[in-house]
Amino acid sequence: MNLKAASLFVSIMTIAAVTTSCGGGDGAAGPKVFSLPHVLNTEHPVHKALVRFAEEVEKRSNGAMIIKIQPGGTLGNEQELCDNVSNDADAFTKISSTILETKAELAKVYSLPYLFRDEEHMWKVLDGAIGTELLDVALDQNLKGICYFDAGFRSFYAKKPIHSPDDLKGMKIRVQKSVMMQKLVETLGASPQQIAFSELYTAIDTGVVQGAENNVPSYYTTKHYKIAPYYVFDEHVAIPDILLMSARRWNALTPDEQKIIMDSAQAAKEFQKELWKSESARQIEAMQAEGVTFIHLDSKEAFVEATRPIYDEFAGTPVMEYVERIRAVE
């Protein structure tokens, strides 16, 4: 049985289990069970936050609602998991917000380079009216945004040092399945390669690509630093992770159940934000001890200038309207 066939089978069984647990089948009452597959390994801060989310939901509902987490991408990549929620095969998933580009044009705003001035600016946007609006950008695709998780600022890492866009020219760089990330890498003179995250270690090790881009915890927990030991803090994008739920399943909840989901997600988010900071600092120290070189740029202006044409493509569009609103947040 191939991966997609196995995923479909498991998804069908999950729906059956949820239906039964919610009072279907023999009519017996029982807890409502919700599936939550994702691609991260169990050491990642976001996985730990999802565990906290599940614990909070079970505790706040007195065991009446259960979240079943399936980590490690065993049911598919993030695009497939997003599609599964959209099709009601799963109740929840966690994805990078770039994946929503396949569902809504406006989601491209998440991946615009150097949009956020710093971490404080990013959270003011995400925790405010703009972030709340963008959570439901794909509501018509049955995707209800529940909350954001901190995914830090993404930077390049490679087998050789990168100090400027010139160092990227001609390199093959792995990117997510994202039109915007592909444009960003192309604008910097490199060749973007869309490779599954689970296959990236081998791709770097064998020279299929010379580098990639991601945040510090992902760089560390995947052990990519062992084969690509140069990490430059160019911080080209700050793309949040998003906890998604099937909108139809959300609408089927009672107001009290919806409040439990939202309150639990908020608690998990605050836990994850603190964990992200402490884990990132610890991981950087551990990688430095193993010989990884972290490059801090005196100026990012060369990268900013090189990627400026990306914004020209959105002149006069709703995406640019959001860009202007985001830039105006103090």
C-alpha atoms as a PDB file:
ATOM      1  CA  MET A   1       0.000   0.000   0.000  1.00  0.00           C
ATOM      2  CA  ASN A   2       1.537   3.346  -1.010  1.00  0.00           C
ATOM      3  CA  LEU A   3       1.619   6.417   1.273  1.00  0.00           C
ATOM      4  CA  LYS A   4      -1.401   8.172  -0.248  1.00  0.00           C
ATOM      5  CA  ALA A   5      -3.504   5.011  -0.172  1.00  0.00           C
ATOM      6  CA  ALA A   6      -2.489   4.400   3.430  1.00  0.00           C
ATOM      7  CA  SER A   7      -3.286   8.008   4.293  1.00  0.00           C
ATOM      8  CA  LEU A   8      -6.740   7.733   2.722  1.00  0.00           C
ATOM      9  CA  PHE A   9      -7.427   4.511   4.610  1.00  0.00           C
ATOM     10  CA  VAL A  10      -6.360   6.018   7.938  1.00  0.00           C
ATOM     11  CA  SER A  11      -8.408   9.168   7.243  1.00  0.00           C
ATOM     12  CA  ILE A  12     -11.527   7.098   6.524  1.00  0.00           C
ATOM     13  CA  MET A  13     -10.991   5.136   9.718  1.00  0.00           C
ATOM     14  CA  THR A  14     -10.500   8.406  11.626  1.00  0.00           C
ATOM     15  CA  ILE A  15     -13.841   9.753  10.374  1.00  0.00           C
ATOM     16  CA  ALA A  16     -15.508   6.514  11.391  1.00  0.00           C
ATOM     17  CA  ALA A  17     -13.932   6.702  14.840  1.00  0.00           C
ATOM     18  CA  VAL A  18     -14.979  10.309  15.311  1.00  0.00           C
ATOM     19  CA  THR A  19     -18.536   9.562  14.208  1.00  0.00           C
ATOM     20  CA  THR A  20     -18.786   6.660  16.642  1.00  0.00           C
ATOM     21  CA  SER A  21     -17.227   8.602  19.519  1.00  0.00           C
ATOM     22  CA  CYS A  22     -19.672  11.456  19.006  1.00  0.00           C
ATOM     23  CA  GLY A  23     -22.693   9.229  19.441  1.00  0.00           C
ATOM     24  CA  GLY A  24     -22.930   7.643  16.006  1.00  0.00           C
ATOM     25  CA  GLY A  25     -23.057   3.933  15.343  1.00  0.00           C
ATOM     26  CA  ASP A  26     -24.628   2.194  18.322  1.00  0.00           C
ATOM     27  CA  GLY A  27     -25.819   5.466  19.842  1.00  0.00           C
ATOM     28  CA  ALA A  28     -23.617   5.214  22.936  1.00  0.00           C
ATOM     29  CA  ALA A  29     -22.433   8.520  24.310  1.00  0.00           C
ATOM     30  CA  GLY A  30     -18.705   9.096  24.491  1.00  0.00           C
ATOM     31  CA  PRO A  31     -15.996  11.713  24.150  1.00  0.00           C
ATOM     32  CA  LYS A  32     -15.621  13.619  20.913  1.00  0.00           C
ATOM     33  CA  VAL A  33     -12.322  12.553  19.356  1.00  0.00           C
ATOM     34  CA  PHE A  34     -10.520  14.838  16.894  1.00  0.00           C
ATOM     35  CA  SER A  35      -7.505  13.896  14.762  1.00  0.00           C
ATOM     36  CA  LEU A  36      -4.522  16.261  14.513  1.00  0.00           C
ATOM     37  CA  PRO A  37      -1.755  15.010  12.215  1.00  0.00           C
ATOM     38  CA  HIS A  38       1.304  17.155  11.457  1.00  0.00           C
ATOM     39  CA  VAL A  39       4.773  16.759   9.913  1.00  0.00           C
ATOM     40  CA  LEU A  40       7.070  17.806  12.770  1.00  0.00           C
ATOM     41  CA  ASN A  41       9.046  15.441  14.978  1.00  0.00           C
ATOM     42  CA  THR A  42       8.312  15.133  18.666  1.00  0.00           C
ATOM     43  CA  GLU A  43      11.290  17.284  19.724  1.00  0.00           C
ATOM     44  CA  HIS A  44      10.017  20.372  17.903  1.00  0.00           C
ATOM     45  CA  PRO A  45       8.621  23.216  20.059  1.00  0.00           C
ATOM     46  CA  VAL A  46       5.442  23.372  17.986  1.00  0.00           C
ATOM     47  CA  HIS A  47       4.742  19.674  18.555  1.00  0.00           C
ATOM     48  CA  LYS A  48       5.178  20.250  22.287  1.00  0.00           C
ATOM     49  CA  ALA A  49       2.686  23.115  22.032  1.00  0.00           C
ATOM     50  CA  LEU A  50       0.199  20.847  20.263  1.00  0.00           C
ATOM     51  CA  VAL A  51       0.567  18.350  23.104  1.00  0.00           C
ATOM     52  CA  ARG A  52      -0.224  21.188  25.533  1.00  0.00           C
ATOM     53  CA  PHE A  53      -3.236  22.114  23.379  1.00  0.00           C
ATOM     54  CA  ALA A  54      -4.550  18.536  23.559  1.00  0.00           C
ATOM     55  CA  GLU A  55      -4.006  18.416  27.310  1.00  0.00           C
ATOM     56  CA  GLU A  56      -5.814  21.713  27.815  1.00  0.00           C
ATOM     57  CA  VAL A  57      -8.782  20.620  25.687  1.00  0.00           C
ATOM     58  CA  GLU A  58      -9.160  17.356  27.591  1.00  0.00           C
ATOM     59  CA  LYS A  59      -8.820  19.078  30.970  1.00  0.00           C
ATOM     60  CA  ARG A  60     -11.157  21.995  30.212  1.00  0.00           C
ATOM     61  CA  SER A  61     -13.798  19.669  28.734  1.00  0.00           C
ATOM     62  CA  ASN A  62     -13.507  17.166  31.626  1.00  0.00           C
ATOM     63  CA  GLY A  63     -12.575  14.468  29.151  1.00  0.00           C
ATOM     64  CA  ALA A  64     -15.472  15.124  26.800  1.00  0.00           C
ATOM     65  CA  MET A  65     -13.157  16.244  23.980  1.00  0.00           C
ATOM     66  CA  ILE A  66     -10.002  14.360  22.992  1.00  0.00           C
ATOM     67  CA  ILE A  67      -7.323  15.466  20.501  1.00  0.00           C
ATOM     68  CA  LYS A  68      -5.331  12.624  18.940  1.00  0.00           C
ATOM     69  CA  ILE A  69      -1.972  13.908  17.663  1.00  0.00           C
ATOM     70  CA  GLN A  70      -0.142  12.064  14.886  1.00  0.00           C
ATOM     71  CA  PRO A  71       3.324  13.619  14.397  1.00  0.00           C
ATOM     72  CA  GLY A  72       6.096  12.983  11.907  1.00  0.00           C
ATOM     73  CA  GLY A  73       4.246  13.330   8.613  1.00  0.00           C
ATOM     74  CA  THR A  74       3.051   9.730   8.648  1.00  0.00           C
ATOM     75  CA  LEU A  75      -0.218  10.757   6.977  1.00  0.00           C
ATOM     76  CA  GLY A  76       1.316  13.020   4.332  1.00  0.00           C
ATOM     77  CA  ASN A  77       3.056  16.324   3.756  1.00  0.00           C
ATOM     78  CA  GLU A  78       1.621  19.666   4.860  1.00  0.00           C
ATOM     79  CA  GLN A  79      -0.238  20.259   1.599  1.00  0.00           C
ATOM     80  CA  GLU A  80      -1.882  16.846   1.841  1.00  0.00           C
ATOM     81  CA  LEU A  81      -2.764  17.390   5.504  1.00  0.00           C
ATOM     82  CA  CYS A  82      -4.261  20.789   4.700  1.00  0.00           C
ATOM     83  CA  ASP A  83      -6.328  19.188   1.936  1.00  0.00           C
ATOM     84  CA  ASN A  84      -7.448  16.471   4.347  1.00  0.00           C
ATOM     85  CA  VAL A  85      -8.861  19.061   6.759  1.00  0.00           C
ATOM     86  CA  SER A  86     -10.481  20.934   3.882  1.00  0.00           C
ATOM     87  CA  ASN A  87     -12.137  17.665   2.835  1.00  0.00           C
ATOM     88  CA  ASP A  88     -13.102  16.735   6.428  1.00  0.00           C
ATOM     89  CA  ALA A  89     -10.800  13.714   6.472  1.00  0.00           C
ATOM     90  CA  ASP A  90      -9.122  15.187   9.572  1.00  0.00           C
ATOM     91  CA  ALA A  91     -10.419  17.622  12.163  1.00  0.00           C
ATOM     92  CA  PHE A  92      -7.204  19.588  12.733  1.00  0.00           C
ATOM     93  CA  THR A  93      -3.707  20.025  11.396  1.00  0.00           C
ATOM     94  CA  LYS A  94      -0.755  22.325  11.864  1.00  0.00           C
ATOM     95  CA  ILE A  95       0.746  23.852   8.727  1.00  0.00           C
ATOM     96  CA  SER A  96       3.087  26.605   7.712  1.00  0.00           C
ATOM     97  CA  SER A  97       0.976  29.550   6.579  1.00  0.00           C
ATOM     98  CA  THR A  98       2.633  29.372   3.143  1.00  0.00           C
ATOM     99  CA  ILE A  99       0.507  26.299   2.400  1.00  0.00           C
ATOM    100  CA  LEU A 100      -2.613  28.486   2.464  1.00  0.00           C
ATOM    101  CA  GLU A 101      -1.399  30.137  -0.747  1.00  0.00           C
ATOM    102  CA  THR A 102      -2.929  27.152  -2.558  1.00  0.00           C
ATOM    103  CA  LYS A 103      -6.297  27.995  -1.004  1.00  0.00           C
ATOM    104  CA  ALA A 104      -6.388  31.805  -1.007  1.00  0.00           C
ATOM    105  CA  GLU A 105      -4.463  34.475  -2.937  1.00  0.00           C
ATOM    106  CA  LEU A 106      -4.432  36.762   0.097  1.00  0.00           C
ATOM    107  CA  ALA A 107      -2.358  34.226   2.051  1.00  0.00           C
ATOM    108  CA  LYS A 108       0.651  35.281  -0.015  1.00  0.00           C
ATOM    109  CA  VAL A 109       1.036  38.224   2.338  1.00  0.00           C
ATOM    110  CA  TYR A 110       2.547  35.874   4.930  1.00  0.00           C
ATOM    111  CA  SER A 111       5.526  35.116   2.681  1.00  0.00           C
ATOM    112  CA  LEU A 112       6.482  38.607   1.567  1.00  0.00           C
ATOM    113  CA  PRO A 113      10.146  39.287   2.381  1.00  0.00           C
ATOM    114  CA  TYR A 114      11.240  41.644   5.148  1.00  0.00           C
ATOM    115  CA  LEU A 115       7.632  42.610   5.885  1.00  0.00           C
ATOM    116  CA  PHE A 116       7.950  42.581   9.669  1.00  0.00           C
ATOM    117  CA  ARG A 117      10.392  44.977  11.292  1.00  0.00           C
ATOM    118  CA  ASP A 118      11.082  42.649  14.206  1.00  0.00           C
ATOM    119  CA  GLU A 119       9.467  40.055  16.468  1.00  0.00           C
ATOM    120  CA  GLU A 120       7.515  42.656  18.443  1.00  0.00           C
ATOM    121  CA  HIS A 121       6.020  44.074  15.245  1.00  0.00           C
ATOM    122  CA  MET A 122       5.131  40.596  14.009  1.00  0.00           C
ATOM    123  CA  TRP A 123       3.171  39.701  17.142  1.00  0.00           C
ATOM    124  CA  LYS A 124       1.401  43.053  17.242  1.00  0.00           C
ATOM    125  CA  VAL A 125       0.133  42.250  13.754  1.00  0.00           C
ATOM    126  CA  LEU A 126      -0.719  38.585  14.363  1.00  0.00           C
ATOM    127  CA  ASP A 127      -2.408  39.197  17.711  1.00  0.00           C
ATOM    128  CA  GLY A 128      -4.367  42.165  16.381  1.00  0.00           C
ATOM    129  CA  ALA A 129      -7.203  42.713  13.929  1.00  0.00           C
ATOM    130  CA  ILE A 130      -5.085  41.994  10.850  1.00  0.00           C
ATOM    131  CA  GLY A 131      -3.922  38.610  12.128  1.00  0.00           C
ATOM    132  CA  THR A 132      -7.444  37.657  13.148  1.00  0.00           C
ATOM    133  CA  GLU A 133      -8.766  38.478   9.684  1.00  0.00           C
ATOM    134  CA  LEU A 134      -6.016  36.483   7.992  1.00  0.00           C
ATOM    135  CA  LEU A 135      -6.684  33.401  10.135  1.00  0.00           C
ATOM    136  CA  ASP A 136      -9.943  32.948   8.218  1.00  0.00           C
ATOM    137  CA  VAL A 137      -8.528  33.733   4.792  1.00  0.00           C
ATOM    138  CA  ALA A 138      -9.501  30.243   3.541  1.00  0.00           C
ATOM    139  CA  LEU A 139     -12.797  29.864   5.378  1.00  0.00           C
ATOM    140  CA  ASP A 140     -14.561  29.249   2.053  1.00  0.00           C
ATOM    141  CA  GLN A 141     -12.302  26.211   1.659  1.00  0.00           C
ATOM    142  CA  ASN A 142     -13.574  24.769   4.961  1.00  0.00           C
ATOM    143  CA  LEU A 143     -10.420  25.904   6.798  1.00  0.00           C
ATOM    144  CA  LYS A 144     -10.922  27.675  10.118  1.00  0.00           C
ATOM    145  CA  GLY A 145      -7.789  29.271  11.553  1.00  0.00           C
ATOM    146  CA  ILE A 146      -7.610  28.655  15.311  1.00  0.00           C
ATOM    147  CA  CYS A 147      -4.325  30.302  16.301  1.00  0.00           C
ATOM    148  CA  TYR A 148      -0.785  31.106  15.242  1.00  0.00           C
ATOM    149  CA  PHE A 149       2.365  29.487  16.577  1.00  0.00           C
ATOM    150  CA  ASP A 150       5.743  31.164  16.528  1.00  0.00           C
ATOM    151  CA  ALA A 151       7.874  29.843  13.678  1.00  0.00           C
ATOM    152  CA  GLY A 152      10.521  32.507  14.090  1.00  0.00           C
ATOM    153  CA  PHE A 153      12.302  34.206  11.232  1.00  0.00           C
ATOM    154  CA  ARG A 154      13.489  31.964   8.420  1.00  0.00           C
ATOM    155  CA  SER A 155      17.067  32.234   7.206  1.00  0.00           C
ATOM    156  CA  PHE A 156      19.345  30.443   4.749  1.00  0.00           C
ATOM    157  CA  TYR A 157      21.691  27.616   5.640  1.00  0.00           C
ATOM    158  CA  ALA A 158      24.081  25.815   3.345  1.00  0.00           C
ATOM    159  CA  LYS A 159      27.265  23.853   2.864  1.00  0.00           C
ATOM    160  CA  LYS A 160      29.158  27.108   2.334  1.00  0.00           C
ATOM    161  CA  PRO A 161      29.005  30.561   3.974  1.00  0.00           C
ATOM    162  CA  ILE A 162      26.448  33.099   2.726  1.00  0.00           C
ATOM    163  CA  HIS A 163      27.131  36.777   3.370  1.00  0.00           C
ATOM    164  CA  SER A 164      25.248  38.445   0.509  1.00  0.00           C
ATOM    165  CA  PRO A 165      22.847  37.662  -2.354  1.00  0.00           C
ATOM    166  CA  ASP A 166      25.897  37.173  -4.570  1.00  0.00           C
ATOM    167  CA  ASP A 167      26.811  34.077  -2.545  1.00  0.00           C
ATOM    168  CA  LEU A 168      23.428  32.548  -3.388  1.00  0.00           C
ATOM    169  CA  LYS A 169      23.734  32.941  -7.152  1.00  0.00           C
ATOM    170  CA  GLY A 170      23.585  29.611  -8.934  1.00  0.00           C
ATOM    171  CA  MET A 171      22.923  27.612  -5.777  1.00  0.00           C
ATOM    172  CA  LYS A 172      20.118  25.077  -5.610  1.00  0.00           C
ATOM    173  CA  ILE A 173      18.055  25.932  -2.536  1.00  0.00           C
ATOM    174  CA  ARG A 174      15.198  23.861  -1.175  1.00  0.00           C
ATOM    175  CA  VAL A 175      11.948  25.766  -0.648  1.00  0.00           C
ATOM    176  CA  GLN A 176       8.492  24.889   0.609  1.00  0.00           C
ATOM    177  CA  LYS A 177       5.666  24.328  -1.834  1.00  0.00           C
ATOM    178  CA  SER A 178       5.071  28.055  -2.069  1.00  0.00           C
ATOM    179  CA  VAL A 179       4.925  30.344  -5.068  1.00  0.00           C
ATOM    180  CA  MET A 180       6.153  33.199  -2.905  1.00  0.00           C
ATOM    181  CA  MET A 181       9.163  31.358  -1.509  1.00  0.00           C
ATOM    182  CA  GLN A 182      10.056  30.273  -5.021  1.00  0.00           C
ATOM    183  CA  LYS A 183       9.933  33.899  -6.186  1.00  0.00           C
ATOM    184  CA  LEU A 184      12.050  35.024  -3.259  1.00  0.00           C
ATOM    185  CA  VAL A 185      14.828  32.530  -3.956  1.00  0.00           C
ATOM    186  CA  GLU A 186      14.743  33.256  -7.700  1.00  0.00           C
ATOM    187  CA  THR A 187      14.977  37.003  -7.040  1.00  0.00           C
ATOM    188  CA  LEU A 188      18.125  36.374  -5.005  1.00  0.00           C
ATOM    189  CA  GLY A 189      19.688  34.531  -7.950  1.00  0.00           C
ATOM    190  CA  ALA A 190      19.389  30.966  -6.671  1.00  0.00           C
ATOM    191  CA  SER A 191      17.470  28.018  -8.109  1.00  0.00           C
ATOM    192  CA  PRO A 192      14.500  26.999  -5.921  1.00  0.00           C
ATOM    193  CA  GLN A 193      13.843  23.286  -5.538  1.00  0.00           C
ATOM    194  CA  GLN A 194      10.575  22.038  -4.054  1.00  0.00           C
ATOM    195  CA  ILE A 195      11.523  18.982  -2.014  1.00  0.00           C
ATOM    196  CA  ALA A 196       9.500  17.284   0.716  1.00  0.00           C
ATOM    197  CA  PHE A 197      10.748  18.250   4.156  1.00  0.00           C
ATOM    198  CA  SER A 198      11.149  14.581   5.096  1.00  0.00           C
ATOM    199  CA  GLU A 199      13.492  14.098   2.113  1.00  0.00           C
ATOM    200  CA  LEU A 200      15.613  17.202   2.620  1.00  0.00           C
ATOM    201  CA  TYR A 201      18.416  15.716   4.728  1.00  0.00           C
ATOM    202  CA  THR A 202      19.229  13.215   1.990  1.00  0.00           C
ATOM    203  CA  ALA A 203      18.894  15.881  -0.712  1.00  0.00           C
ATOM    204  CA  ILE A 204      21.482  18.098   1.001  1.00  0.00           C
ATOM    205  CA  ASP A 205      23.753  15.190   1.888  1.00  0.00           C
ATOM    206  CA  THR A 206      23.853  13.899  -1.697  1.00  0.00           C
ATOM    207  CA  GLY A 207      24.183  17.342  -3.303  1.00  0.00           C
ATOM    208  CA  VAL A 208      20.752  17.483  -4.922  1.00  0.00           C
ATOM    209  CA  VAL A 209      20.562  20.897  -3.237  1.00  0.00           C
ATOM    210  CA  GLN A 210      23.334  22.924  -1.626  1.00  0.00           C
ATOM    211  CA  GLY A 211      21.181  24.483   1.048  1.00  0.00           C
ATOM    212  CA  ALA A 212      17.743  25.407   2.326  1.00  0.00           C
ATOM    213  CA  GLU A 213      16.018  27.984   4.488  1.00  0.00           C
ATOM    214  CA  ASN A 214      14.208  27.578   7.758  1.00  0.00           C
ATOM    215  CA  ASN A 215      14.099  28.602  11.393  1.00  0.00           C
ATOM    216  CA  VAL A 216      16.608  27.551  14.048  1.00  0.00           C
ATOM    217  CA  PRO A 217      14.547  24.791  15.750  1.00  0.00           C
ATOM    218  CA  SER A 218      13.815  23.078  12.438  1.00  0.00           C
ATOM    219  CA  TYR A 219      17.488  23.341  11.454  1.00  0.00           C
ATOM    220  CA  TYR A 220      18.440  21.723  14.754  1.00  0.00           C
ATOM    221  CA  THR A 221      15.792  19.029  15.221  1.00  0.00           C
ATOM    222  CA  THR A 222      16.289  17.699  11.671  1.00  0.00           C
ATOM    223  CA  LYS A 223      20.093  17.635  12.185  1.00  0.00           C
ATOM    224  CA  HIS A 224      20.541  19.525   8.918  1.00  0.00           C
ATOM    225  CA  TYR A 225      23.321  21.435  10.658  1.00  0.00           C
ATOM    226  CA  LYS A 226      25.506  18.328  10.446  1.00  0.00           C
ATOM    227  CA  ILE A 227      25.604  18.487   6.640  1.00  0.00           C
ATOM    228  CA  ALA A 228      24.990  22.214   6.046  1.00  0.00           C
ATOM    229  CA  PRO A 229      26.977  23.874   8.853  1.00  0.00           C
ATOM    230  CA  TYR A 230      26.628  27.544   7.828  1.00  0.00           C
ATOM    231  CA  TYR A 231      23.549  29.491   8.956  1.00  0.00           C
ATOM    232  CA  VAL A 232      23.152  33.156   8.059  1.00  0.00           C
ATOM    233  CA  PHE A 233      20.664  35.297   9.964  1.00  0.00           C
ATOM    234  CA  ASP A 234      19.280  37.141   6.930  1.00  0.00           C
ATOM    235  CA  GLU A 235      15.777  36.605   8.409  1.00  0.00           C
ATOM    236  CA  HIS A 236      14.025  37.051   5.058  1.00  0.00           C
ATOM    237  CA  VAL A 237      10.547  36.049   6.222  1.00  0.00           C
ATOM    238  CA  ALA A 238       8.654  35.450   9.448  1.00  0.00           C
ATOM    239  CA  ILE A 239       6.047  32.898   8.421  1.00  0.00           C
ATOM    240  CA  PRO A 240       3.863  31.778  11.328  1.00  0.00           C
ATOM    241  CA  ASP A 241       2.584  28.267  11.758  1.00  0.00           C
ATOM    242  CA  ILE A 242      -1.198  27.961  11.881  1.00  0.00           C
ATOM    243  CA  LEU A 243      -3.436  25.527  13.718  1.00  0.00           C
ATOM    244  CA  LEU A 244      -6.317  24.782  11.356  1.00  0.00           C
ATOM    245  CA  MET A 245      -9.661  23.121  11.960  1.00  0.00           C
ATOM    246  CA  SER A 246     -12.384  21.966   9.593  1.00  0.00           C
ATOM    247  CA  ALA A 247     -14.875  24.844   9.526  1.00  0.00           C
ATOM    248  CA  ARG A 248     -17.773  22.404   9.329  1.00  0.00           C
ATOM    249  CA  ARG A 249     -16.574  20.611  12.448  1.00  0.00           C
ATOM    250  CA  TRP A 250     -16.046  23.951  14.158  1.00  0.00           C
ATOM    251  CA  ASN A 251     -19.602  24.995  13.332  1.00  0.00           C
ATOM    252  CA  ALA A 252     -20.895  21.684  14.704  1.00  0.00           C
ATOM    253  CA  LEU A 253     -19.451  22.472  18.145  1.00  0.00           C
ATOM    254  CA  THR A 254     -21.487  24.153  20.855  1.00  0.00           C
ATOM    255  CA  PRO A 255     -20.461  27.687  21.913  1.00  0.00           C
ATOM    256  CA  ASP A 256     -18.948  26.230  25.096  1.00  0.00           C
ATOM    257  CA  GLU A 257     -16.928  23.705  23.083  1.00  0.00           C
ATOM    258  CA  GLN A 258     -15.707  26.429  20.735  1.00  0.00           C
ATOM    259  CA  LYS A 259     -14.580  28.448  23.747  1.00  0.00           C
ATOM    260  CA  ILE A 260     -12.663  25.448  25.077  1.00  0.00           C
ATOM    261  CA  ILE A 261     -10.867  25.080  21.745  1.00  0.00           C
ATOM    262  CA  MET A 262      -9.969  28.768  21.566  1.00  0.00           C
ATOM    263  CA  ASP A 263      -8.926  29.093  25.211  1.00  0.00           C
ATOM    264  CA  SER A 264      -6.823  25.931  24.971  1.00  0.00           C
ATOM    265  CA  ALA A 265      -5.165  27.171  21.778  1.00  0.00           C
ATOM    266  CA  GLN A 266      -4.365  30.512  23.402  1.00  0.00           C
ATOM    267  CA  ALA A 267      -2.750  28.759  26.378  1.00  0.00           C
ATOM    268  CA  ALA A 268      -0.739  26.529  24.039  1.00  0.00           C
ATOM    269  CA  LYS A 269       0.370  29.516  21.960  1.00  0.00           C
ATOM    270  CA  GLU A 270       1.681  31.440  24.968  1.00  0.00           C
ATOM    271  CA  PHE A 271       3.465  28.301  26.194  1.00  0.00           C
ATOM    272  CA  GLN A 272       5.003  27.781  22.752  1.00  0.00           C
ATOM    273  CA  LYS A 273       6.205  31.377  22.374  1.00  0.00           C
ATOM    274  CA  GLU A 274       8.272  31.106  25.560  1.00  0.00           C
ATOM    275  CA  LEU A 275       9.458  27.613  24.695  1.00  0.00           C
ATOM    276  CA  TRP A 276      10.531  28.805  21.241  1.00  0.00           C
ATOM    277  CA  LYS A 277      12.822  31.451  22.716  1.00  0.00           C
ATOM    278  CA  SER A 278      14.460  29.207  25.287  1.00  0.00           C
ATOM    279  CA  GLU A 279      14.805  26.246  22.922  1.00  0.00           C
ATOM    280  CA  SER A 280      16.270  28.373  20.123  1.00  0.00           C
ATOM    281  CA  ALA A 281      18.932  29.814  22.433  1.00  0.00           C
ATOM    282  CA  ARG A 282      19.833  26.371  23.754  1.00  0.00           C
ATOM    283  CA  GLN A 283      19.959  24.873  20.271  1.00  0.00           C
ATOM    284  CA  ILE A 284      22.222  27.592  18.901  1.00  0.00           C
ATOM    285  CA  GLU A 285      24.647  27.015  21.763  1.00  0.00           C
ATOM    286  CA  ALA A 286      24.585  23.248  21.173  1.00  0.00           C
ATOM    287  CA  MET A 287      25.206  23.633  17.435  1.00  0.00           C
ATOM    288  CA  GLN A 288      28.056  26.071  17.972  1.00  0.00           C
ATOM    289  CA  ALA A 289      29.679  23.466  20.207  1.00  0.00           C
ATOM    290  CA  GLU A 290      29.521  21.054  17.255  1.00  0.00           C
ATOM    291  CA  GLY A 291      31.211  23.510  14.902  1.00  0.00           C
ATOM    292  CA  VAL A 292      28.281  25.234  13.208  1.00  0.00           C
ATOM    293  CA  THR A 293      29.024  28.766  11.992  1.00  0.00           C
ATOM    294  CA  PHE A 294      26.285  31.321  12.609  1.00  0.00           C
ATOM    295  CA  ILE A 295      26.680  34.431  10.464  1.00  0.00           C
ATOM    296  CA  HIS A 296      25.247  37.732  11.742  1.00  0.00           C
ATOM    297  CA  LEU A 297      25.008  40.375   9.025  1.00  0.00           C
ATOM    298  CA  ASP A 298      26.051  43.965   9.643  1.00  0.00           C
ATOM    299  CA  SER A 299      23.275  44.973   7.261  1.00  0.00           C
ATOM    300  CA  LYS A 300      20.453  43.169   5.440  1.00  0.00           C
ATOM    301  CA  GLU A 301      20.004  46.000   2.961  1.00  0.00           C
ATOM    302  CA  ALA A 302      21.432  44.042   0.016  1.00  0.00           C
ATOM    303  CA  PHE A 303      18.872  41.297   0.590  1.00  0.00           C
ATOM    304  CA  VAL A 304      16.055  43.804   1.068  1.00  0.00           C
ATOM    305  CA  GLU A 305      16.904  45.620  -2.158  1.00  0.00           C
ATOM    306  CA  ALA A 306      17.254  42.412  -4.145  1.00  0.00           C
ATOM    307  CA  THR A 307      13.771  41.247  -3.135  1.00  0.00           C
ATOM    308  CA  ARG A 308      11.973  44.586  -3.515  1.00  0.00           C
ATOM    309  CA  PRO A 309      10.634  43.746  -7.028  1.00  0.00           C
ATOM    310  CA  ILE A 310       8.412  41.061  -5.482  1.00  0.00           C
ATOM    311  CA  TYR A 311       6.240  43.799  -4.003  1.00  0.00           C
ATOM    312  CA  ASP A 312       5.800  45.464  -7.408  1.00  0.00           C
ATOM    313  CA  GLU A 313       3.748  42.483  -8.573  1.00  0.00           C
ATOM    314  CA  PHE A 314       1.060  43.242  -5.983  1.00  0.00           C
ATOM    315  CA  ALA A 315       0.546  46.935  -6.656  1.00  0.00           C
ATOM    316  CA  GLY A 316      -3.160  47.788  -6.491  1.00  0.00           C
ATOM    317  CA  THR A 317      -4.198  44.375  -5.134  1.00  0.00           C
ATOM    318  CA  PRO A 318      -5.776  43.339  -1.804  1.00  0.00           C
ATOM    319  CA  VAL A 319      -2.426  41.792  -0.857  1.00  0.00           C
ATOM    320  CA  MET A 320      -0.760  45.211  -1.074  1.00  0.00           C
ATOM    321  CA  GLU A 321      -3.570  46.751   0.969  1.00  0.00           C
ATOM    322  CA  TYR A 322      -2.678  44.344   3.773  1.00  0.00           C
ATOM    323  CA  VAL A 323       1.018  45.120   3.338  1.00  0.00           C
ATOM    324  CA  GLU A 324       0.316  48.803   3.874  1.00  0.00           C
ATOM    325  CA  ARG A 325      -1.833  48.077   6.930  1.00  0.00           C
ATOM    326  CA  ILE A 326       0.897  45.844   8.378  1.00  0.00           C
ATOM    327  CA  ARG A 327       3.597  48.421   7.802  1.00  0.00           C
ATOM    328  CA  ALA A 328       1.444  51.025   9.551  1.00  0.00           C
ATOM    329  CA  VAL A 329       1.246  49.012  12.773  1.00  0.00           C
ATOM    330  CA  GLU A 330       3.394  50.665  15.438  1.00  0.00           C
END
